[in-house]
Amino acid sequence: MGQGVELGFVVGHFFVTWDNAADEELSVRPGRMVDFLREGIFENVSEHPDWQGHIGRSLGKVDVLENEAILTIGGKQVYIVTAKVDPETLHIDALADNLVVYFSADARDSFFAQYPDPRPG
């Protein structure tokens, strides 16, 4: 267990995680990542410009799919997908071993245009 995206709200925290390499499904867990994950690199991206428009907004809903979680925050969608990322070029290559966050439907759709969409018909 080593990857996730944690979201903090007034009512508490939860995180989207890919639990282990044998189980390629995402799950949503209540609480803080640091209380659940025993090791890893924890990076606060709250100051990143792409997150700024979502901070302070209400969480509308969370849809958890096989290789993707879709968060509706303040009426806008954020997409978290499992993907293989080349550490040198940062090229996103396939549904595999990392979590990638997309802030637009166009960027998410470009990714899934290259790989099968896991959502049912």
PDB file of N, CA and C in Angstrom:
ATOM      1  N   MET A   1       0.847  -1.171   0.000  1.00  0.00           N
ATOM      2  CA  MET A   1       0.000   0.000   0.000  1.00  0.00           C
ATOM      3  C   MET A   1       0.884   1.222   0.000  1.00  0.00           C
ATOM      4  N   GLY A   2       0.815   2.005  -1.076  1.00  0.00           N
ATOM      5  CA  GLY A   2       1.714   3.118  -1.098  1.00  0.00           C
ATOM      6  C   GLY A   2       1.333   4.294  -1.945  1.00  0.00           C
ATOM      7  N   GLN A   3       0.135   4.319  -2.530  1.00  0.00           N
ATOM      8  CA  GLN A   3      -0.220   5.450  -3.366  1.00  0.00           C
ATOM      9  C   GLN A   3      -1.628   5.909  -3.068  1.00  0.00           C
ATOM     10  N   GLY A   4      -1.820   7.212  -3.080  1.00  0.00           N
ATOM     11  CA  GLY A   4      -3.159   7.710  -2.843  1.00  0.00           C
ATOM     12  C   GLY A   4      -3.228   9.212  -3.022  1.00  0.00           C
ATOM     13  N   VAL A   5      -4.439   9.706  -3.056  1.00  0.00           N
ATOM     14  CA  VAL A   5      -4.698  11.134  -3.105  1.00  0.00           C
ATOM     15  C   VAL A   5      -5.620  11.434  -1.936  1.00  0.00           C
ATOM     16  N   GLU A   6      -5.132  12.240  -0.996  1.00  0.00           N
ATOM     17  CA  GLU A   6      -5.903  12.566   0.197  1.00  0.00           C
ATOM     18  C   GLU A   6      -6.627  13.890  -0.007  1.00  0.00           C
ATOM     19  N   LEU A   7      -7.873  13.925   0.428  1.00  0.00           N
ATOM     20  CA  LEU A   7      -8.671  15.147   0.363  1.00  0.00           C
ATOM     21  C   LEU A   7      -9.140  15.502   1.767  1.00  0.00           C
ATOM     22  N   GLY A   8      -8.998  16.763   2.138  1.00  0.00           N
ATOM     23  CA  GLY A   8      -9.423  17.214   3.456  1.00  0.00           C
ATOM     24  C   GLY A   8     -10.616  18.135   3.352  1.00  0.00           C
ATOM     25  N   PHE A   9     -11.609  17.894   4.199  1.00  0.00           N
ATOM     26  CA  PHE A   9     -12.820  18.705   4.246  1.00  0.00           C
ATOM     27  C   PHE A   9     -13.097  19.102   5.687  1.00  0.00           C
ATOM     28  N   VAL A  10     -13.971  20.049   5.879  1.00  0.00           N
ATOM     29  CA  VAL A  10     -14.328  20.504   7.222  1.00  0.00           C
ATOM     30  C   VAL A  10     -14.798  19.327   8.071  1.00  0.00           C
ATOM     31  N   VAL A  11     -15.521  18.402   7.463  1.00  0.00           N
ATOM     32  CA  VAL A  11     -16.075  17.269   8.210  1.00  0.00           C
ATOM     33  C   VAL A  11     -15.089  16.114   8.362  1.00  0.00           C
ATOM     34  N   GLY A  12     -13.912  16.214   7.770  1.00  0.00           N
ATOM     35  CA  GLY A  12     -12.916  15.156   7.910  1.00  0.00           C
ATOM     36  C   GLY A  12     -12.130  14.919   6.633  1.00  0.00           C
ATOM     37  N   HIS A  13     -11.325  13.854   6.640  1.00  0.00           N
ATOM     38  CA  HIS A  13     -10.456  13.516   5.522  1.00  0.00           C
ATOM     39  C   HIS A  13     -10.840  12.165   4.939  1.00  0.00           C
ATOM     40  N   PHE A  14     -10.542  11.998   3.654  1.00  0.00           N
ATOM     41  CA  PHE A  14     -10.600  10.676   3.043  1.00  0.00           C
ATOM     42  C   PHE A  14      -9.577  10.640   1.925  1.00  0.00           C
ATOM     43  N   PHE A  15      -9.223   9.426   1.497  1.00  0.00           N
ATOM     44  CA  PHE A  15      -8.271   9.328   0.409  1.00  0.00           C
ATOM     45  C   PHE A  15      -8.663   8.227  -0.558  1.00  0.00           C
ATOM     46  N   VAL A  16      -8.261   8.458  -1.809  1.00  0.00           N
ATOM     47  CA  VAL A  16      -8.448   7.481  -2.879  1.00  0.00           C
ATOM     48  C   VAL A  16      -7.106   6.777  -2.999  1.00  0.00           C
ATOM     49  N   THR A  17      -7.118   5.436  -2.961  1.00  0.00           N
ATOM     50  CA  THR A  17      -5.866   4.691  -2.995  1.00  0.00           C
ATOM     51  C   THR A  17      -5.966   3.475  -3.894  1.00  0.00           C
ATOM     52  N   TRP A  18      -4.823   3.048  -4.350  1.00  0.00           N
ATOM     53  CA  TRP A  18      -4.695   1.791  -5.077  1.00  0.00           C
ATOM     54  C   TRP A  18      -4.015   0.869  -4.092  1.00  0.00           C
ATOM     55  N   ASP A  19      -4.745  -0.063  -3.509  1.00  0.00           N
ATOM     56  CA  ASP A  19      -4.296  -0.784  -2.335  1.00  0.00           C
ATOM     57  C   ASP A  19      -3.047  -1.635  -2.512  1.00  0.00           C
ATOM     58  N   ASN A  20      -2.956  -2.400  -3.572  1.00  0.00           N
ATOM     59  CA  ASN A  20      -1.720  -3.155  -3.798  1.00  0.00           C
ATOM     60  C   ASN A  20      -1.630  -3.584  -5.255  1.00  0.00           C
ATOM     61  N   ALA A  21      -0.442  -4.033  -5.647  1.00  0.00           N
ATOM     62  CA  ALA A  21      -0.193  -4.347  -7.065  1.00  0.00           C
ATOM     63  C   ALA A  21      -1.044  -5.503  -7.575  1.00  0.00           C
ATOM     64  N   ALA A  22      -1.461  -6.411  -6.701  1.00  0.00           N
ATOM     65  CA  ALA A  22      -2.267  -7.557  -7.145  1.00  0.00           C
ATOM     66  C   ALA A  22      -3.723  -7.160  -7.369  1.00  0.00           C
ATOM     67  N   ASP A  23      -4.155  -6.116  -6.706  1.00  0.00           N
ATOM     68  CA  ASP A  23      -5.543  -5.662  -6.807  1.00  0.00           C
ATOM     69  C   ASP A  23      -5.541  -4.313  -7.516  1.00  0.00           C
ATOM     70  N   GLU A  24      -5.870  -4.300  -8.807  1.00  0.00           N
ATOM     71  CA  GLU A  24      -5.745  -3.078  -9.605  1.00  0.00           C
ATOM     72  C   GLU A  24      -6.979  -2.194  -9.546  1.00  0.00           C
ATOM     73  N   GLU A  25      -7.707  -2.229  -8.438  1.00  0.00           N
ATOM     74  CA  GLU A  25      -8.883  -1.388  -8.304  1.00  0.00           C
ATOM     75  C   GLU A  25      -8.619  -0.278  -7.299  1.00  0.00           C
ATOM     76  N   LEU A  26      -9.249   0.846  -7.532  1.00  0.00           N
ATOM     77  CA  LEU A  26      -9.155   1.957  -6.598  1.00  0.00           C
ATOM     78  C   LEU A  26     -10.187   1.796  -5.494  1.00  0.00           C
ATOM     79  N   SER A  27      -9.887   2.349  -4.328  1.00  0.00           N
ATOM     80  CA  SER A  27     -10.867   2.364  -3.249  1.00  0.00           C
ATOM     81  C   SER A  27     -10.801   3.717  -2.557  1.00  0.00           C
ATOM     82  N   VAL A  28     -11.876   4.052  -1.864  1.00  0.00           N
ATOM     83  CA  VAL A  28     -11.940   5.291  -1.100  1.00  0.00           C
ATOM     84  C   VAL A  28     -11.984   4.914   0.364  1.00  0.00           C
ATOM     85  N   ARG A  29     -11.098   5.496   1.155  1.00  0.00           N
ATOM     86  CA  ARG A  29     -11.008   5.179   2.586  1.00  0.00           C
ATOM     87  C   ARG A  29     -11.153   6.455   3.412  1.00  0.00           C
ATOM     88  N   PRO A  30     -11.828   6.366   4.540  1.00  0.00           N
ATOM     89  CA  PRO A  30     -11.913   7.534   5.425  1.00  0.00           C
ATOM     90  C   PRO A  30     -10.618   7.690   6.218  1.00  0.00           C
ATOM     91  N   GLY A  31     -10.306   8.905   6.615  1.00  0.00           N
ATOM     92  CA  GLY A  31      -9.143   9.154   7.452  1.00  0.00           C
ATOM     93  C   GLY A  31      -7.988   9.767   6.685  1.00  0.00           C
ATOM     94  N   ARG A  32      -6.843   9.822   7.358  1.00  0.00           N
ATOM     95  CA  ARG A  32      -5.632  10.409   6.800  1.00  0.00           C
ATOM     96  C   ARG A  32      -4.754   9.323   6.196  1.00  0.00           C
ATOM     97  N   MET A  33      -4.097   9.631   5.102  1.00  0.00           N
ATOM     98  CA  MET A  33      -3.191   8.662   4.483  1.00  0.00           C
ATOM     99  C   MET A  33      -2.051   8.294   5.421  1.00  0.00           C
ATOM    100  N   VAL A  34      -1.506   9.255   6.149  1.00  0.00           N
ATOM    101  CA  VAL A  34      -0.357   8.972   7.014  1.00  0.00           C
ATOM    102  C   VAL A  34      -0.716   7.989   8.123  1.00  0.00           C
ATOM    103  N   ASP A  35      -2.006   7.885   8.471  1.00  0.00           N
ATOM    104  CA  ASP A  35      -2.425   6.926   9.488  1.00  0.00           C
ATOM    105  C   ASP A  35      -2.608   5.531   8.912  1.00  0.00           C
ATOM    106  N   PHE A  36      -2.713   5.418   7.590  1.00  0.00           N
ATOM    107  CA  PHE A  36      -2.981   4.146   6.943  1.00  0.00           C
ATOM    108  C   PHE A  36      -1.750   3.589   6.239  1.00  0.00           C
ATOM    109  N   LEU A  37      -1.039   4.436   5.493  1.00  0.00           N
ATOM    110  CA  LEU A  37       0.145   3.994   4.761  1.00  0.00           C
ATOM    111  C   LEU A  37       1.354   4.063   5.671  1.00  0.00           C
ATOM    112  N   ARG A  38       2.124   3.010   5.700  1.00  0.00           N
ATOM    113  CA  ARG A  38       3.254   2.913   6.629  1.00  0.00           C
ATOM    114  C   ARG A  38       4.535   3.565   6.106  1.00  0.00           C
ATOM    115  N   GLU A  39       4.652   3.686   4.772  1.00  0.00           N
ATOM    116  CA  GLU A  39       5.860   4.269   4.211  1.00  0.00           C
ATOM    117  C   GLU A  39       5.508   4.975   2.918  1.00  0.00           C
ATOM    118  N   GLY A  40       6.467   5.671   2.378  1.00  0.00           N
ATOM    119  CA  GLY A  40       6.235   6.358   1.112  1.00  0.00           C
ATOM    120  C   GLY A  40       6.567   7.824   1.215  1.00  0.00           C
ATOM    121  N   ILE A  41       6.378   8.514   0.126  1.00  0.00           N
ATOM    122  CA  ILE A  41       6.643   9.946   0.062  1.00  0.00           C
ATOM    123  C   ILE A  41       5.305  10.667   0.102  1.00  0.00           C
ATOM    124  N   PHE A  42       5.157  11.563   1.037  1.00  0.00           N
ATOM    125  CA  PHE A  42       3.932  12.326   1.162  1.00  0.00           C
ATOM    126  C   PHE A  42       4.211  13.743   0.683  1.00  0.00           C
ATOM    127  N   GLU A  43       3.520  14.162  -0.345  1.00  0.00           N
ATOM    128  CA  GLU A  43       3.755  15.459  -0.938  1.00  0.00           C
ATOM    129  C   GLU A  43       2.469  16.275  -0.915  1.00  0.00           C
ATOM    130  N   ASN A  44       2.534  17.432  -0.302  1.00  0.00           N
ATOM    131  CA  ASN A  44       1.375  18.312  -0.232  1.00  0.00           C
ATOM    132  C   ASN A  44       1.302  19.124  -1.524  1.00  0.00           C
ATOM    133  N   VAL A  45       0.251  18.910  -2.294  1.00  0.00           N
ATOM    134  CA  VAL A  45       0.096  19.627  -3.566  1.00  0.00           C
ATOM    135  C   VAL A  45      -0.988  20.702  -3.480  1.00  0.00           C
ATOM    136  N   SER A  46      -1.376  21.044  -2.272  1.00  0.00           N
ATOM    137  CA  SER A  46      -2.441  22.037  -2.088  1.00  0.00           C
ATOM    138  C   SER A  46      -2.122  23.370  -2.747  1.00  0.00           C
ATOM    139  N   GLU A  47      -0.851  23.717  -2.847  1.00  0.00           N
ATOM    140  CA  GLU A  47      -0.445  24.989  -3.437  1.00  0.00           C
ATOM    141  C   GLU A  47      -0.358  24.920  -4.957  1.00  0.00           C
ATOM    142  N   HIS A  48      -0.501  23.733  -5.531  1.00  0.00           N
ATOM    143  CA  HIS A  48      -0.418  23.595  -6.986  1.00  0.00           C
ATOM    144  C   HIS A  48      -1.578  24.355  -7.625  1.00  0.00           C
ATOM    145  N   PRO A  49      -1.324  25.104  -8.696  1.00  0.00           N
ATOM    146  CA  PRO A  49      -2.389  25.914  -9.324  1.00  0.00           C
ATOM    147  C   PRO A  49      -3.632  25.111  -9.726  1.00  0.00           C
ATOM    148  N   ASP A  50      -3.451  23.871 -10.159  1.00  0.00           N
ATOM    149  CA  ASP A  50      -4.605  23.077 -10.570  1.00  0.00           C
ATOM    150  C   ASP A  50      -5.525  22.734  -9.407  1.00  0.00           C
ATOM    151  N   TRP A  51      -4.990  22.633  -8.198  1.00  0.00           N
ATOM    152  CA  TRP A  51      -5.832  22.345  -7.033  1.00  0.00           C
ATOM    153  C   TRP A  51      -6.506  23.596  -6.482  1.00  0.00           C
ATOM    154  N   GLN A  52      -5.914  24.763  -6.719  1.00  0.00           N
ATOM    155  CA  GLN A  52      -6.395  25.990  -6.091  1.00  0.00           C
ATOM    156  C   GLN A  52      -7.883  26.262  -6.313  1.00  0.00           C
ATOM    157  N   GLY A  53      -8.412  25.965  -7.485  1.00  0.00           N
ATOM    158  CA  GLY A  53      -9.828  26.205  -7.759  1.00  0.00           C
ATOM    159  C   GLY A  53     -10.772  25.262  -7.035  1.00  0.00           C
ATOM    160  N   HIS A  54     -10.215  24.222  -6.409  1.00  0.00           N
ATOM    161  CA  HIS A  54     -11.051  23.234  -5.718  1.00  0.00           C
ATOM    162  C   HIS A  54     -11.018  23.387  -4.198  1.00  0.00           C
ATOM    163  N   ILE A  55     -10.028  24.070  -3.694  1.00  0.00           N
ATOM    164  CA  ILE A  55      -9.892  24.227  -2.245  1.00  0.00           C
ATOM    165  C   ILE A  55     -11.026  25.099  -1.715  1.00  0.00           C
ATOM    166  N   GLY A  56     -11.663  24.650  -0.653  1.00  0.00           N
ATOM    167  CA  GLY A  56     -12.779  25.367  -0.046  1.00  0.00           C
ATOM    168  C   GLY A  56     -14.126  25.044  -0.660  1.00  0.00           C
ATOM    169  N   ARG A  57     -14.153  24.197  -1.674  1.00  0.00           N
ATOM    170  CA  ARG A  57     -15.397  23.813  -2.345  1.00  0.00           C
ATOM    171  C   ARG A  57     -15.990  22.568  -1.701  1.00  0.00           C
ATOM    172  N   SER A  58     -17.278  22.380  -1.872  1.00  0.00           N
ATOM    173  CA  SER A  58     -17.968  21.207  -1.308  1.00  0.00           C
ATOM    174  C   SER A  58     -17.783  19.998  -2.215  1.00  0.00           C
ATOM    175  N   LEU A  59     -17.653  18.838  -1.597  1.00  0.00           N
ATOM    176  CA  LEU A  59     -17.604  17.578  -2.331  1.00  0.00           C
ATOM    177  C   LEU A  59     -19.023  17.174  -2.663  1.00  0.00           C
ATOM    178  N   GLY A  60     -19.317  17.048  -3.957  1.00  0.00           N
ATOM    179  CA  GLY A  60     -20.651  16.655  -4.393  1.00  0.00           C
ATOM    180  C   GLY A  60     -20.832  15.156  -4.355  1.00  0.00           C
ATOM    181  N   LYS A  61     -19.892  14.417  -4.992  1.00  0.00           N
ATOM    182  CA  LYS A  61     -19.975  12.961  -4.981  1.00  0.00           C
ATOM    183  C   LYS A  61     -18.655  12.375  -5.423  1.00  0.00           C
ATOM    184  N   VAL A  62     -18.508  11.060  -5.199  1.00  0.00           N
ATOM    185  CA  VAL A  62     -17.340  10.304  -5.625  1.00  0.00           C
ATOM    186  C   VAL A  62     -17.841   9.069  -6.350  1.00  0.00           C
ATOM    187  N   ASP A  63     -17.402   8.898  -7.582  1.00  0.00           N
ATOM    188  CA  ASP A  63     -17.703   7.682  -8.343  1.00  0.00           C
ATOM    189  C   ASP A  63     -16.416   6.884  -8.426  1.00  0.00           C
ATOM    190  N   VAL A  64     -16.420   5.640  -7.929  1.00  0.00           N
ATOM    191  CA  VAL A  64     -15.241   4.787  -7.975  1.00  0.00           C
ATOM    192  C   VAL A  64     -15.461   3.717  -9.030  1.00  0.00           C
ATOM    193  N   LEU A  65     -14.617   3.754 -10.064  1.00  0.00           N
ATOM    194  CA  LEU A  65     -14.678   2.795 -11.152  1.00  0.00           C
ATOM    195  C   LEU A  65     -13.467   1.865 -11.046  1.00  0.00           C
ATOM    196  N   GLU A  66     -13.324   0.954 -11.984  1.00  0.00           N
ATOM    197  CA  GLU A  66     -12.242  -0.031 -11.890  1.00  0.00           C
ATOM    198  C   GLU A  66     -10.858   0.603 -11.842  1.00  0.00           C
ATOM    199  N   ASN A  67     -10.536   1.502 -12.730  1.00  0.00           N
ATOM    200  CA  ASN A  67      -9.220   2.137 -12.780  1.00  0.00           C
ATOM    201  C   ASN A  67      -9.299   3.660 -12.649  1.00  0.00           C
ATOM    202  N   GLU A  68     -10.389   4.137 -12.076  1.00  0.00           N
ATOM    203  CA  GLU A  68     -10.596   5.579 -12.034  1.00  0.00           C
ATOM    204  C   GLU A  68     -11.549   5.953 -10.906  1.00  0.00           C
ATOM    205  N   ALA A  69     -11.267   7.082 -10.274  1.00  0.00           N
ATOM    206  CA  ALA A  69     -12.202   7.688  -9.332  1.00  0.00           C
ATOM    207  C   ALA A  69     -12.519   9.082  -9.865  1.00  0.00           C
ATOM    208  N   ILE A  70     -13.795   9.426  -9.890  1.00  0.00           N
ATOM    209  CA  ILE A  70     -14.219  10.739 -10.372  1.00  0.00           C
ATOM    210  C   ILE A  70     -14.815  11.493  -9.187  1.00  0.00           C
ATOM    211  N   LEU A  71     -14.190  12.612  -8.840  1.00  0.00           N
ATOM    212  CA  LEU A  71     -14.648  13.435  -7.725  1.00  0.00           C
ATOM    213  C   LEU A  71     -15.369  14.645  -8.299  1.00  0.00           C
ATOM    214  N   THR A  72     -16.526  14.955  -7.763  1.00  0.00           N
ATOM    215  CA  THR A  72     -17.214  16.186  -8.137  1.00  0.00           C
ATOM    216  C   THR A  72     -17.042  17.145  -6.971  1.00  0.00           C
ATOM    217  N   ILE A  73     -16.255  18.192  -7.200  1.00  0.00           N
ATOM    218  CA  ILE A  73     -15.925  19.166  -6.156  1.00  0.00           C
ATOM    219  C   ILE A  73     -16.367  20.536  -6.651  1.00  0.00           C
ATOM    220  N   GLY A  74     -17.288  21.145  -5.935  1.00  0.00           N
ATOM    221  CA  GLY A  74     -17.778  22.468  -6.322  1.00  0.00           C
ATOM    222  C   GLY A  74     -18.348  22.496  -7.730  1.00  0.00           C
ATOM    223  N   GLY A  75     -18.968  21.400  -8.143  1.00  0.00           N
ATOM    224  CA  GLY A  75     -19.574  21.328  -9.464  1.00  0.00           C
ATOM    225  C   GLY A  75     -18.617  20.969 -10.593  1.00  0.00           C
ATOM    226  N   LYS A  76     -17.323  20.860 -10.295  1.00  0.00           N
ATOM    227  CA  LYS A  76     -16.326  20.489 -11.303  1.00  0.00           C
ATOM    228  C   LYS A  76     -15.815  19.084 -11.006  1.00  0.00           C
ATOM    229  N   GLN A  77     -15.361  18.394 -12.043  1.00  0.00           N
ATOM    230  CA  GLN A  77     -14.882  17.035 -11.851  1.00  0.00           C
ATOM    231  C   GLN A  77     -13.358  16.969 -11.865  1.00  0.00           C
ATOM    232  N   VAL A  78     -12.831  16.100 -10.990  1.00  0.00           N
ATOM    233  CA  VAL A  78     -11.418  15.772 -10.906  1.00  0.00           C
ATOM    234  C   VAL A  78     -11.333  14.269 -11.115  1.00  0.00           C
ATOM    235  N   TYR A  79     -10.411  13.839 -11.969  1.00  0.00           N
ATOM    236  CA  TYR A  79     -10.298  12.423 -12.331  1.00  0.00           C
ATOM    237  C   TYR A  79      -8.983  11.869 -11.803  1.00  0.00           C
ATOM    238  N   ILE A  80      -9.052  10.769 -11.059  1.00  0.00           N
ATOM    239  CA  ILE A  80      -7.856  10.099 -10.556  1.00  0.00           C
ATOM    240  C   ILE A  80      -7.813   8.739 -11.227  1.00  0.00           C
ATOM    241  N   VAL A  81      -6.743   8.463 -11.978  1.00  0.00           N
ATOM    242  CA  VAL A  81      -6.639   7.192 -12.704  1.00  0.00           C
ATOM    243  C   VAL A  81      -5.327   6.499 -12.354  1.00  0.00           C
ATOM    244  N   THR A  82      -5.314   5.163 -12.484  1.00  0.00           N
ATOM    245  CA  THR A  82      -4.071   4.429 -12.338  1.00  0.00           C
ATOM    246  C   THR A  82      -3.333   4.505 -13.666  1.00  0.00           C
ATOM    247  N   ALA A  83      -2.042   4.780 -13.624  1.00  0.00           N
ATOM    248  CA  ALA A  83      -1.261   4.925 -14.845  1.00  0.00           C
ATOM    249  C   ALA A  83       0.218   4.666 -14.582  1.00  0.00           C
ATOM    250  N   LYS A  84       0.926   4.221 -15.620  1.00  0.00           N
ATOM    251  CA  LYS A  84       2.370   4.047 -15.545  1.00  0.00           C
ATOM    252  C   LYS A  84       3.013   5.353 -15.996  1.00  0.00           C
ATOM    253  N   VAL A  85       3.925   5.874 -15.189  1.00  0.00           N
ATOM    254  CA  VAL A  85       4.570   7.146 -15.499  1.00  0.00           C
ATOM    255  C   VAL A  85       6.076   6.928 -15.578  1.00  0.00           C
ATOM    256  N   ASP A  86       6.691   7.337 -16.695  1.00  0.00           N
ATOM    257  CA  ASP A  86       8.142   7.254 -16.841  1.00  0.00           C
ATOM    258  C   ASP A  86       8.762   8.323 -15.940  1.00  0.00           C
ATOM    259  N   PRO A  87       9.589   7.927 -14.955  1.00  0.00           N
ATOM    260  CA  PRO A  87      10.115   8.903 -13.992  1.00  0.00           C
ATOM    261  C   PRO A  87      11.043   9.950 -14.609  1.00  0.00           C
ATOM    262  N   GLU A  88      11.665   9.636 -15.753  1.00  0.00           N
ATOM    263  CA  GLU A  88      12.577  10.598 -16.378  1.00  0.00           C
ATOM    264  C   GLU A  88      11.853  11.604 -17.257  1.00  0.00           C
ATOM    265  N   THR A  89      10.897  11.135 -18.056  1.00  0.00           N
ATOM    266  CA  THR A  89      10.207  12.034 -18.989  1.00  0.00           C
ATOM    267  C   THR A  89       8.843  12.478 -18.486  1.00  0.00           C
ATOM    268  N   LEU A  90       8.331  11.814 -17.453  1.00  0.00           N
ATOM    269  CA  LEU A  90       6.996  12.024 -16.909  1.00  0.00           C
ATOM    270  C   LEU A  90       5.903  11.705 -17.926  1.00  0.00           C
ATOM    271  N   HIS A  91       6.249  10.942 -18.943  1.00  0.00           N
ATOM    272  CA  HIS A  91       5.273  10.515 -19.942  1.00  0.00           C
ATOM    273  C   HIS A  91       4.329   9.494 -19.304  1.00  0.00           C
ATOM    274  N   ILE A  92       3.032   9.691 -19.448  1.00  0.00           N
ATOM    275  CA  ILE A  92       2.029   8.782 -18.901  1.00  0.00           C
ATOM    276  C   ILE A  92       1.790   7.698 -19.933  1.00  0.00           C
ATOM    277  N   ASP A  93       2.045   6.442 -19.562  1.00  0.00           N
ATOM    278  CA  ASP A  93       2.157   5.387 -20.546  1.00  0.00           C
ATOM    279  C   ASP A  93       1.058   4.333 -20.553  1.00  0.00           C
ATOM    280  N   ALA A  94       0.471   3.977 -19.439  1.00  0.00           N
ATOM    281  CA  ALA A  94      -0.541   2.908 -19.451  1.00  0.00           C
ATOM    282  C   ALA A  94      -1.192   2.794 -18.083  1.00  0.00           C
ATOM    283  N   LEU A  95      -2.290   2.069 -18.011  1.00  0.00           N
ATOM    284  CA  LEU A  95      -2.904   1.793 -16.713  1.00  0.00           C
ATOM    285  C   LEU A  95      -2.003   0.822 -15.975  1.00  0.00           C
ATOM    286  N   ALA A  96      -1.333   1.264 -14.940  1.00  0.00           N
ATOM    287  CA  ALA A  96      -0.383   0.374 -14.283  1.00  0.00           C
ATOM    288  C   ALA A  96      -0.133   0.701 -12.824  1.00  0.00           C
ATOM    289  N   ASP A  97       0.911   1.481 -12.530  1.00  0.00           N
ATOM    290  CA  ASP A  97       1.421   1.494 -11.164  1.00  0.00           C
ATOM    291  C   ASP A  97       1.496   2.849 -10.470  1.00  0.00           C
ATOM    292  N   ASN A  98       0.858   3.867 -10.963  1.00  0.00           N
ATOM    293  CA  ASN A  98       0.847   5.167 -10.308  1.00  0.00           C
ATOM    294  C   ASN A  98      -0.554   5.755 -10.376  1.00  0.00           C
ATOM    295  N   LEU A  99      -0.774   6.784  -9.589  1.00  0.00           N
ATOM    296  CA  LEU A  99      -2.033   7.528  -9.668  1.00  0.00           C
ATOM    297  C   LEU A  99      -1.760   8.870 -10.326  1.00  0.00           C
ATOM    298  N   VAL A 100      -2.596   9.231 -11.292  1.00  0.00           N
ATOM    299  CA  VAL A 100      -2.462  10.507 -11.989  1.00  0.00           C
ATOM    300  C   VAL A 100      -3.779  11.252 -11.834  1.00  0.00           C
ATOM    301  N   VAL A 101      -3.692  12.548 -11.560  1.00  0.00           N
ATOM    302  CA  VAL A 101      -4.880  13.373 -11.379  1.00  0.00           C
ATOM    303  C   VAL A 101      -5.044  14.272 -12.607  1.00  0.00           C
ATOM    304  N   TYR A 102      -6.247  14.223 -13.196  1.00  0.00           N
ATOM    305  CA  TYR A 102      -6.592  15.098 -14.318  1.00  0.00           C
ATOM    306  C   TYR A 102      -7.654  16.081 -13.842  1.00  0.00           C
ATOM    307  N   PHE A 103      -7.505  17.344 -14.240  1.00  0.00           N
ATOM    308  CA  PHE A 103      -8.435  18.382 -13.824  1.00  0.00           C
ATOM    309  C   PHE A 103      -9.383  18.799 -14.936  1.00  0.00           C
ATOM    310  N   SER A 104      -9.288  18.144 -16.083  1.00  0.00           N
ATOM    311  CA  SER A 104     -10.225  18.463 -17.163  1.00  0.00           C
ATOM    312  C   SER A 104     -10.667  17.172 -17.845  1.00  0.00           C
ATOM    313  N   ALA A 105     -11.885  17.194 -18.345  1.00  0.00           N
ATOM    314  CA  ALA A 105     -12.421  16.039 -19.059  1.00  0.00           C
ATOM    315  C   ALA A 105     -11.613  15.790 -20.336  1.00  0.00           C
ATOM    316  N   ASP A 106     -11.147  16.851 -20.986  1.00  0.00           N
ATOM    317  CA  ASP A 106     -10.368  16.686 -22.215  1.00  0.00           C
ATOM    318  C   ASP A 106      -9.069  15.929 -21.965  1.00  0.00           C
ATOM    319  N   ALA A 107      -8.358  16.278 -20.881  1.00  0.00           N
ATOM    320  CA  ALA A 107      -7.106  15.585 -20.559  1.00  0.00           C
ATOM    321  C   ALA A 107      -7.384  14.134 -20.199  1.00  0.00           C
ATOM    322  N   ARG A 108      -8.423  13.899 -19.430  1.00  0.00           N
ATOM    323  CA  ARG A 108      -8.812  12.533 -19.062  1.00  0.00           C
ATOM    324  C   ARG A 108      -9.198  11.748 -20.305  1.00  0.00           C
ATOM    325  N   ASP A 109      -9.984  12.338 -21.187  1.00  0.00           N
ATOM    326  CA  ASP A 109     -10.426  11.648 -22.399  1.00  0.00           C
ATOM    327  C   ASP A 109      -9.253  11.343 -23.333  1.00  0.00           C
ATOM    328  N   SER A 110      -8.264  12.224 -23.395  1.00  0.00           N
ATOM    329  CA  SER A 110      -7.074  11.966 -24.207  1.00  0.00           C
ATOM    330  C   SER A 110      -6.322  10.748 -23.697  1.00  0.00           C
ATOM    331  N   PHE A 111      -6.252  10.624 -22.379  1.00  0.00           N
ATOM    332  CA  PHE A 111      -5.602   9.457 -21.794  1.00  0.00           C
ATOM    333  C   PHE A 111      -6.349   8.183 -22.173  1.00  0.00           C
ATOM    334  N   PHE A 112      -7.668   8.178 -21.982  1.00  0.00           N
ATOM    335  CA  PHE A 112      -8.444   6.969 -22.262  1.00  0.00           C
ATOM    336  C   PHE A 112      -8.619   6.714 -23.761  1.00  0.00           C
ATOM    337  N   ALA A 113      -8.315   7.701 -24.606  1.00  0.00           N
ATOM    338  CA  ALA A 113      -8.333   7.452 -26.054  1.00  0.00           C
ATOM    339  C   ALA A 113      -7.197   6.501 -26.431  1.00  0.00           C
ATOM    340  N   GLN A 114      -6.131   6.506 -25.621  1.00  0.00           N
ATOM    341  CA  GLN A 114      -4.990   5.628 -25.873  1.00  0.00           C
ATOM    342  C   GLN A 114      -5.191   4.235 -25.286  1.00  0.00           C
ATOM    343  N   TYR A 115      -6.005   4.139 -24.239  1.00  0.00           N
ATOM    344  CA  TYR A 115      -6.186   2.884 -23.503  1.00  0.00           C
ATOM    345  C   TYR A 115      -7.675   2.616 -23.331  1.00  0.00           C
ATOM    346  N   PRO A 116      -8.063   1.375 -23.169  1.00  0.00           N
ATOM    347  CA  PRO A 116      -9.496   1.069 -23.029  1.00  0.00           C
ATOM    348  C   PRO A 116     -10.115   1.762 -21.817  1.00  0.00           C
ATOM    349  N   ASP A 117     -11.304   2.271 -22.004  1.00  0.00           N
ATOM    350  CA  ASP A 117     -12.062   2.885 -20.911  1.00  0.00           C
ATOM    351  C   ASP A 117     -12.678   1.759 -20.096  1.00  0.00           C
ATOM    352  N   PRO A 118     -12.371   1.666 -18.785  1.00  0.00           N
ATOM    353  CA  PRO A 118     -12.874   0.577 -17.970  1.00  0.00           C
ATOM    354  C   PRO A 118     -14.352   0.710 -17.610  1.00  0.00           C
ATOM    355  N   ARG A 119     -14.960   1.839 -17.951  1.00  0.00           N
ATOM    356  CA  ARG A 119     -16.359   2.025 -17.579  1.00  0.00           C
ATOM    357  C   ARG A 119     -17.248   1.153 -18.454  1.00  0.00           C
ATOM    358  N   PRO A 120     -18.273   0.537 -17.872  1.00  0.00           N
ATOM    359  CA  PRO A 120     -19.189  -0.259 -18.676  1.00  0.00           C
ATOM    360  C   PRO A 120     -19.943   0.603 -19.689  1.00  0.00           C
ATOM    361  N   GLY A 121     -20.185   0.010 -20.929  1.00  0.00           N
ATOM    362  CA  GLY A 121     -20.911   0.591 -22.052  1.00  0.00           C
ATOM    363  C   GLY A 121     -21.657   1.814 -21.779  1.00  0.00           C
TER     364      GLY A 121
END
